[in-house]
Protein backbone atom coordinates (compact mmCIF):
# COMPACT_ATOMS: atom_id res chain seq x y z
CA MET A 1 12.83 -95.70 61.04
CA ARG A 2 14.90 -97.08 58.20
CA ILE A 3 16.10 -100.67 58.62
CA GLU A 4 19.90 -100.60 58.39
CA ARG A 5 20.95 -103.89 59.94
CA PHE A 6 19.67 -107.48 59.69
CA GLU A 7 21.39 -109.90 62.10
CA THR A 8 20.81 -113.63 62.54
CA TRP A 9 22.14 -116.18 65.02
CA TRP A 10 21.76 -119.91 64.36
CA VAL A 11 21.24 -121.30 67.86
CA GLN A 12 21.79 -125.03 68.28
CA ARG A 13 19.69 -127.29 70.46
CA GLY A 14 20.22 -130.62 68.73
CA GLU A 15 17.25 -132.33 70.36
CA ASN A 16 14.86 -134.84 68.83
CA PHE A 17 11.49 -134.45 70.54
CA PHE A 18 9.47 -136.67 68.20
CA ASP A 19 9.35 -140.42 67.72
CA GLU A 20 10.73 -142.18 64.66
CA LYS A 21 7.36 -142.20 62.87
CA HIS A 22 7.11 -138.42 62.97
CA ARG A 23 10.83 -137.75 62.64
CA GLY A 24 11.41 -140.03 59.65
CA ARG A 25 14.86 -141.11 58.55
CA SER A 26 16.32 -137.62 58.34
CA LYS A 27 17.58 -135.81 61.42
CA MET A 28 15.21 -133.50 63.26
CA ASP A 29 17.27 -131.13 65.33
CA TRP A 30 15.15 -128.46 67.03
CA ASP A 31 17.38 -125.45 66.40
CA VAL A 32 16.20 -121.84 66.08
CA VAL A 33 17.44 -118.77 64.25
CA VAL A 34 17.28 -115.51 66.21
CA ILE A 35 16.59 -112.38 64.14
CA LYS A 36 17.37 -108.80 65.13
CA LEU A 37 16.48 -105.81 62.96
CA THR A 38 18.08 -102.46 63.79
CA ALA A 39 16.90 -99.09 62.47
CA ASP A 40 18.85 -95.90 61.83
CA ASN A 41 17.61 -94.45 65.13
CA GLY A 42 18.83 -97.48 67.09
CA ALA A 43 15.38 -99.08 67.46
CA GLU A 44 15.43 -102.89 67.50
CA GLY A 45 12.93 -105.59 66.60
CA ILE A 46 13.37 -109.21 67.66
CA ALA A 47 11.94 -112.53 66.49
CA THR A 48 12.90 -116.20 66.25
CA ALA A 49 12.51 -118.56 63.30
CA MET A 50 12.07 -122.32 63.22
CA ALA A 51 15.03 -124.40 62.12
CA ALA A 52 13.77 -127.84 63.12
CA ARG A 53 15.08 -129.78 60.13
CA SER A 54 17.88 -127.64 58.75
CA ALA A 55 18.97 -124.29 60.11
CA ARG A 56 20.94 -123.80 56.90
CA VAL A 57 17.65 -123.60 55.00
CA THR A 58 16.21 -120.99 57.38
CA GLU A 59 19.44 -119.01 57.47
CA SER A 60 19.82 -119.00 53.68
CA TYR A 61 16.24 -117.92 52.99
CA LEU A 62 16.64 -115.06 55.46
CA GLU A 63 19.94 -113.90 53.98
CA ASP A 64 19.25 -114.46 50.27
CA ASN A 65 15.54 -113.75 49.89
CA ILE A 66 14.14 -111.81 52.85
CA ALA A 67 16.85 -109.42 54.03
CA PRO A 68 17.16 -107.72 50.60
CA VAL A 69 13.44 -106.91 50.72
CA VAL A 70 13.66 -105.41 54.22
CA LEU A 71 16.99 -103.56 54.35
CA GLY A 72 16.75 -99.88 53.51
CA ARG A 73 12.96 -99.81 54.01
CA SER A 74 10.95 -97.98 56.62
CA ALA A 75 9.96 -100.20 59.53
CA TYR A 76 6.44 -98.81 59.14
CA GLU A 77 6.06 -100.28 55.64
CA ARG A 78 4.95 -103.59 57.12
CA GLU A 79 2.10 -104.21 54.69
CA ALA A 80 4.20 -103.23 51.66
CA ILE A 81 7.04 -105.52 52.79
CA TRP A 82 4.53 -108.31 53.49
CA GLN A 83 3.04 -108.00 49.99
CA ASP A 84 6.49 -107.85 48.35
CA LEU A 85 7.51 -111.06 50.11
CA TRP A 86 4.22 -112.65 49.07
CA ASN A 87 4.96 -111.74 45.46
CA ILE A 88 8.48 -113.19 45.42
CA ASP A 89 7.19 -116.34 47.15
CA ARG A 90 5.27 -117.15 43.97
CA ASN A 91 8.12 -116.19 41.70
CA LEU A 92 10.35 -119.19 42.38
CA THR A 93 11.09 -118.58 46.07
CA PHE A 94 8.43 -120.83 47.67
CA PHE A 95 9.12 -120.03 51.31
CA PRO A 96 8.83 -122.76 53.94
CA VAL A 97 5.61 -122.35 55.94
CA TYR A 98 7.57 -120.90 58.90
CA LEU A 99 9.01 -118.03 56.81
CA PRO A 100 8.80 -115.05 56.36
CA GLY A 101 6.49 -114.55 59.36
CA PRO A 102 9.28 -113.97 61.92
CA VAL A 103 10.58 -110.87 60.11
CA ASP A 104 7.06 -109.42 60.18
CA VAL A 105 7.03 -110.03 63.95
CA ALA A 106 10.35 -108.18 64.32
CA LEU A 107 8.93 -105.18 62.43
CA TRP A 108 5.84 -105.04 64.65
CA ASP A 109 7.99 -105.49 67.78
CA MET A 110 10.15 -102.52 66.73
CA ALA A 111 7.17 -100.28 65.98
CA ALA A 112 5.38 -101.09 69.26
CA LYS A 113 8.56 -100.42 71.23
CA GLU A 114 8.94 -97.05 69.52
CA ALA A 115 5.35 -96.26 70.45
CA GLY A 116 6.08 -97.25 74.05
CA LEU A 117 3.21 -99.75 73.98
CA PRO A 118 2.88 -103.48 74.55
CA LEU A 119 2.16 -105.09 71.21
CA TYR A 120 -1.44 -106.06 72.01
CA LYS A 121 -2.28 -102.44 72.89
CA TYR A 122 -0.49 -101.20 69.77
CA LEU A 123 -2.70 -103.58 67.77
CA GLY A 124 -5.81 -102.60 69.74
CA ALA A 125 -6.42 -104.44 73.00
CA TYR A 126 -9.47 -106.60 73.61
CA ARG A 127 -8.23 -108.51 76.71
CA ASN A 128 -4.95 -109.25 78.49
CA GLN A 129 -5.40 -112.90 79.49
CA LEU A 130 -6.41 -116.25 78.05
CA PRO A 131 -6.97 -119.72 79.51
CA VAL A 132 -4.34 -122.24 78.47
CA TYR A 133 -4.54 -125.85 77.47
CA ALA A 134 -1.60 -128.19 77.94
CA SER A 135 -0.69 -129.66 74.56
CA GLY A 136 1.47 -132.77 74.95
CA LEU A 137 3.72 -134.66 72.57
CA PHE A 138 3.24 -138.18 71.23
CA HIS A 139 3.30 -141.03 73.77
CA ASP A 140 3.43 -144.81 73.48
CA ARG A 141 0.66 -145.80 75.92
CA PRO A 142 -2.74 -144.32 76.86
CA GLU A 143 -1.64 -144.21 80.49
CA GLU A 144 1.10 -141.73 79.64
CA TYR A 145 -1.45 -139.27 78.26
CA VAL A 146 -3.53 -139.57 81.43
CA GLU A 147 -0.49 -139.07 83.64
CA GLU A 148 0.49 -135.96 81.69
CA ALA A 149 -3.00 -134.47 81.83
CA LEU A 150 -3.21 -135.03 85.58
CA ARG A 151 0.24 -133.50 86.10
CA TYR A 152 -0.88 -130.26 84.48
CA ARG A 153 -4.22 -130.34 86.28
CA GLU A 154 -2.23 -130.20 89.51
CA GLN A 155 -0.72 -126.95 88.21
CA GLY A 156 -4.17 -125.43 87.81
CA ILE A 157 -4.60 -126.10 84.08
CA ARG A 158 -8.07 -127.38 83.32
CA CYS A 159 -7.77 -128.32 79.66
CA TYR A 160 -5.56 -130.86 77.86
CA LYS A 161 -5.03 -131.73 74.21
CA ALA A 162 -3.74 -135.15 73.17
CA HIS A 163 -1.55 -135.88 70.17
CA PRO A 164 -2.32 -139.59 69.71
CA SER A 165 -0.69 -141.91 67.21
CA GLY A 166 -2.92 -141.23 64.18
CA VAL A 167 -4.05 -144.90 64.09
CA TRP A 168 -7.78 -144.59 64.68
CA ARG A 169 -8.34 -147.64 66.91
CA GLU A 170 -5.38 -146.68 69.10
CA ASP A 171 -6.57 -143.10 69.19
CA ILE A 172 -10.02 -144.07 70.47
CA ALA A 173 -8.29 -145.96 73.30
CA VAL A 174 -6.31 -142.83 74.19
CA HIS A 175 -9.39 -140.60 74.06
CA THR A 176 -11.40 -142.98 76.26
CA ALA A 177 -8.57 -143.42 78.78
CA LEU A 178 -8.22 -139.65 79.09
CA ARG A 179 -11.91 -139.09 79.78
CA ASP A 180 -11.96 -141.92 82.28
CA GLY A 181 -8.78 -140.59 83.90
CA VAL A 182 -9.76 -136.94 84.32
CA GLY A 183 -13.51 -137.33 84.56
CA THR A 184 -15.31 -134.02 84.25
CA THR A 185 -12.51 -132.04 85.90
CA MET A 186 -10.83 -131.13 82.59
CA ASP A 187 -11.86 -130.14 79.10
CA LEU A 188 -10.26 -132.28 76.40
CA MET A 189 -9.28 -131.91 72.75
CA THR A 190 -7.42 -134.12 70.30
CA ASP A 191 -5.02 -133.62 67.39
CA PRO A 192 -3.90 -136.88 65.78
CA VAL A 193 -1.96 -135.07 62.99
CA GLY A 194 -3.79 -137.72 61.06
CA GLU A 195 -4.19 -139.44 57.74
CA TYR A 196 -7.50 -141.13 58.55
CA THR A 197 -9.90 -142.31 55.92
CA LEU A 198 -13.16 -140.39 55.97
CA GLY A 199 -14.96 -143.37 57.50
CA ASP A 200 -12.38 -143.74 60.26
CA ALA A 201 -12.55 -140.02 61.04
CA ILE A 202 -16.32 -140.25 61.41
CA ARG A 203 -15.95 -143.20 63.79
CA VAL A 204 -13.41 -141.33 65.90
CA GLY A 205 -15.46 -138.14 65.81
CA ARG A 206 -18.64 -139.83 67.02
CA ASN A 207 -16.68 -141.37 69.87
CA LEU A 208 -15.31 -137.93 70.74
CA GLU A 209 -18.86 -136.54 70.79
CA ASP A 210 -19.88 -139.26 73.25
CA LEU A 211 -16.87 -138.38 75.41
CA GLY A 212 -17.59 -134.65 75.35
CA TYR A 213 -14.39 -133.42 73.67
CA LEU A 214 -14.22 -129.73 72.71
CA TRP A 215 -12.76 -130.16 69.22
CA PHE A 216 -11.33 -132.64 66.73
CA GLU A 217 -8.20 -131.30 65.03
CA GLU A 218 -6.38 -132.32 61.85
CA PRO A 219 -7.68 -135.83 61.14
CA PHE A 220 -6.47 -135.32 57.54
CA ARG A 221 -3.96 -133.16 55.74
CA ASP A 222 -5.27 -129.63 55.30
CA PHE A 223 -5.39 -129.89 51.50
CA GLU A 224 -8.03 -132.70 51.65
CA ILE A 225 -10.82 -130.14 51.58
CA ASN A 226 -13.55 -132.44 50.25
CA LYS A 227 -12.97 -134.92 53.10
CA TYR A 228 -13.17 -132.07 55.61
CA THR A 229 -16.44 -130.88 54.08
CA GLU A 230 -17.93 -134.36 54.40
CA LEU A 231 -16.65 -134.71 57.97
CA CYS A 232 -18.02 -131.33 59.08
CA SER A 233 -21.40 -132.31 57.64
CA ALA A 234 -21.41 -135.69 59.39
CA LEU A 235 -20.36 -134.60 62.90
CA ASP A 236 -21.52 -132.17 65.57
CA ILE A 237 -18.15 -131.81 67.28
CA PRO A 238 -16.25 -128.76 65.93
CA ILE A 239 -13.56 -129.62 63.40
CA LEU A 240 -10.35 -127.58 63.54
CA ALA A 241 -8.24 -127.28 60.39
CA THR A 242 -5.98 -124.96 58.31
CA GLU A 243 -2.94 -125.26 60.61
CA THR A 244 -0.60 -126.03 57.71
CA SER A 245 -2.65 -124.71 54.80
CA ARG A 246 -0.72 -122.52 52.38
CA GLY A 247 -1.78 -119.12 51.19
CA CYS A 248 -2.31 -117.41 54.56
CA HIS A 249 -5.84 -115.94 54.69
CA TRP A 250 -6.49 -116.85 51.05
CA GLY A 251 -5.87 -120.50 51.92
CA ALA A 252 -8.06 -120.33 55.02
CA ALA A 253 -10.80 -118.75 52.92
CA GLN A 254 -11.03 -121.86 50.73
CA SER A 255 -11.75 -124.05 53.76
CA ILE A 256 -14.34 -121.61 55.05
CA LEU A 257 -15.97 -121.25 51.61
CA ASN A 258 -16.26 -125.03 51.24
CA ARG A 259 -17.54 -125.51 54.81
CA ALA A 260 -14.49 -127.66 55.39
CA THR A 261 -13.78 -126.48 58.93
CA ASP A 262 -15.61 -125.10 61.95
CA LEU A 263 -12.58 -123.37 63.47
CA VAL A 264 -9.46 -122.01 61.78
CA ARG A 265 -5.83 -122.06 62.88
CA ALA A 266 -3.15 -119.36 62.81
CA ASP A 267 0.11 -118.35 64.48
CA VAL A 268 2.75 -115.73 63.80
CA SER A 269 5.34 -118.25 62.61
CA TRP A 270 3.38 -120.44 60.19
CA LYS A 271 0.89 -117.85 58.93
CA TRP A 272 3.13 -115.03 57.76
CA GLY A 273 3.60 -113.10 60.95
CA ILE A 274 1.35 -110.78 62.90
CA THR A 275 0.09 -109.26 59.65
CA GLY A 276 -1.00 -112.65 58.30
CA THR A 277 -2.44 -113.87 61.60
CA LEU A 278 -4.57 -110.74 61.92
CA LYS A 279 -5.88 -111.22 58.38
CA ILE A 280 -6.94 -114.79 59.22
CA ALA A 281 -8.51 -113.84 62.56
CA HIS A 282 -10.55 -111.03 61.00
CA LEU A 283 -11.58 -113.27 58.10
CA ALA A 284 -12.82 -115.92 60.54
CA GLU A 285 -14.69 -113.31 62.60
CA SER A 286 -16.59 -112.16 59.51
CA PHE A 287 -17.94 -115.73 59.21
CA GLY A 288 -18.74 -116.02 62.93
CA MET A 289 -15.85 -118.43 63.51
CA ASN A 290 -13.06 -118.60 66.06
CA CYS A 291 -9.40 -118.42 65.09
CA GLU A 292 -7.67 -120.66 67.62
CA MET A 293 -3.99 -119.85 67.85
CA HIS A 294 -1.42 -122.55 67.21
CA THR A 295 1.85 -122.99 69.07
CA THR A 296 4.96 -121.88 67.20
CA THR A 297 7.04 -124.37 69.26
CA MET A 298 9.16 -121.37 70.38
CA ASN A 299 8.08 -119.61 73.56
CA TYR A 300 9.17 -116.15 72.40
CA MET A 301 7.02 -116.39 69.27
CA ASP A 302 4.19 -117.91 71.29
CA MET A 303 4.19 -114.69 73.32
CA ALA A 304 3.95 -112.71 70.06
CA THR A 305 0.97 -114.89 69.05
CA LEU A 306 -0.58 -114.23 72.48
CA HIS A 307 -0.46 -110.49 71.79
CA VAL A 308 -2.49 -111.06 68.61
CA ALA A 309 -4.96 -113.31 70.45
CA CYS A 310 -5.44 -110.55 73.03
CA ALA A 311 -6.11 -108.02 70.27
CA VAL A 312 -9.01 -109.97 68.70
CA ARG A 313 -12.28 -111.23 70.15
CA ASN A 314 -12.59 -114.57 68.38
CA SER A 315 -9.76 -116.52 69.98
CA GLU A 316 -10.53 -118.55 73.09
CA TRP A 317 -7.43 -120.53 74.07
CA PHE A 318 -3.64 -120.38 74.35
CA GLU A 319 -1.82 -123.56 73.28
CA TYR A 320 0.80 -124.39 75.91
CA PHE A 321 3.20 -126.88 74.31
CA VAL A 322 4.63 -129.15 77.00
CA PRO A 323 7.01 -129.98 78.52
CA GLU A 324 7.92 -126.29 78.39
CA ASP A 325 11.66 -126.92 78.85
CA ASN A 326 11.79 -128.28 75.30
CA PHE A 327 10.48 -125.06 73.75
CA ARG A 328 11.78 -122.24 75.96
CA LEU A 329 15.11 -121.64 74.20
CA PRO A 330 16.15 -118.92 73.52
CA MET A 331 13.58 -117.01 75.62
CA GLN A 332 14.57 -116.03 79.13
CA GLY A 333 12.32 -117.39 81.87
CA ASN A 334 9.03 -119.27 81.77
CA LEU A 335 5.73 -118.42 80.14
CA PRO A 336 3.63 -116.23 82.52
CA ILE A 337 1.04 -118.88 83.42
CA GLN A 338 -0.69 -118.98 86.80
CA ASN A 339 -3.67 -121.15 87.72
CA GLY A 340 -4.27 -122.06 84.10
CA ILE A 341 -4.27 -118.46 82.84
CA ILE A 342 -1.58 -116.76 80.75
CA THR A 343 -1.21 -112.98 80.99
CA VAL A 344 0.27 -110.93 78.17
CA SER A 345 3.23 -108.67 78.95
CA ASP A 346 2.60 -104.95 79.51
CA ARG A 347 6.15 -104.02 78.55
CA PRO A 348 6.72 -102.35 75.15
CA GLY A 349 6.78 -104.63 72.10
CA VAL A 350 6.56 -108.38 72.61
CA GLY A 351 7.79 -107.60 76.10
CA VAL A 352 9.91 -110.65 76.91
CA GLU A 353 13.68 -111.07 76.86
CA LEU A 354 15.97 -113.50 75.09
CA ASP A 355 18.88 -115.19 76.84
CA TRP A 356 21.72 -113.54 74.91
CA GLU A 357 24.46 -115.30 76.88
CA LEU A 358 22.95 -118.66 75.91
CA ILE A 359 22.49 -117.50 72.30
CA GLN A 360 26.15 -116.57 72.04
CA ARG A 361 27.27 -119.81 73.69
CA LYS A 362 25.11 -122.02 71.45
CA CYS A 363 25.64 -119.99 68.26
CA VAL A 364 26.70 -122.08 65.25
CA SER A 365 26.62 -119.29 62.69
CA TYR A 366 26.20 -115.49 62.85
CA ARG A 367 25.28 -113.25 59.90
CA ASP A 368 25.35 -109.43 59.92
CA LEU A 369 23.80 -107.81 56.84
CA ARG A 370 23.76 -104.04 56.26
CA ALA A 371 21.77 -101.70 54.03
């Protein structure tokens, strides 16, 4: 299968889902770029790419830097293409964290379809289901977090992750309100996307231990490795890091080597596709650690990440970013969640459909590149 065509659609949503603190002064549209690769035998591979700040950036990187590496190549040269893109990243390309993973997903999708297998079986199946946790956005009041957690409990979901403000005193109030509100009926996690001092993180972490939270995620930026090492040493609650660390599995390795995390993060958008996510998951397994998969904020790509999670042993949860309506586009239909469990598709490839009528209607820019 020789890749002959590389198509992209910039699909506009124009929604701001984050508050002013997290959005900043620049606009934060939540657009996506749909990618379709077509081979000389007609086989197709599909993926979507983040375009949350500027779809022009995503579109230009795909057209100028990634498509020339892919066009004319065999779809089975995934590792060679991955390594070539890694090489040009260092040589004055410097991809955004959410590229070039989507193209790797499209290549795997194409190959699994040609094999007539769902992606997780093509990778090597371990399971076909995972429990989900509802992962909410930022709210103004502790009561809003409790209301959201209870709403998803009513849908059969028994785990909730808060994204509190990142101000440690306010965050403790949120964490306490949640435990009081749900009692022992739900597991809880927290991700302040924080910039705590080390001392503040220890205070918050000890409070989380008293409240019985499952993990404490991203209290600092991922590059603050020494702070993470000190925090992991001081606390019993598992610390989850590496969500935004650069360098794919090489970056995750530095946190593991320095005992700067207890759990690692990966997803097929931010960690260089299925190829990169597998490298991280297997690295973590060799150290007896879980690789907990991160939402891509795009339901189609979350399903691709689910396939990887179902092909490895050391991944325990599926992150269900809510409310789902914000993150469905351009996938057709809802995520296959029932009673708090998500089941991977048994159709060939990623196994879910995009809404092509909506894509065409919301398309701002279309590019069609040929070998």
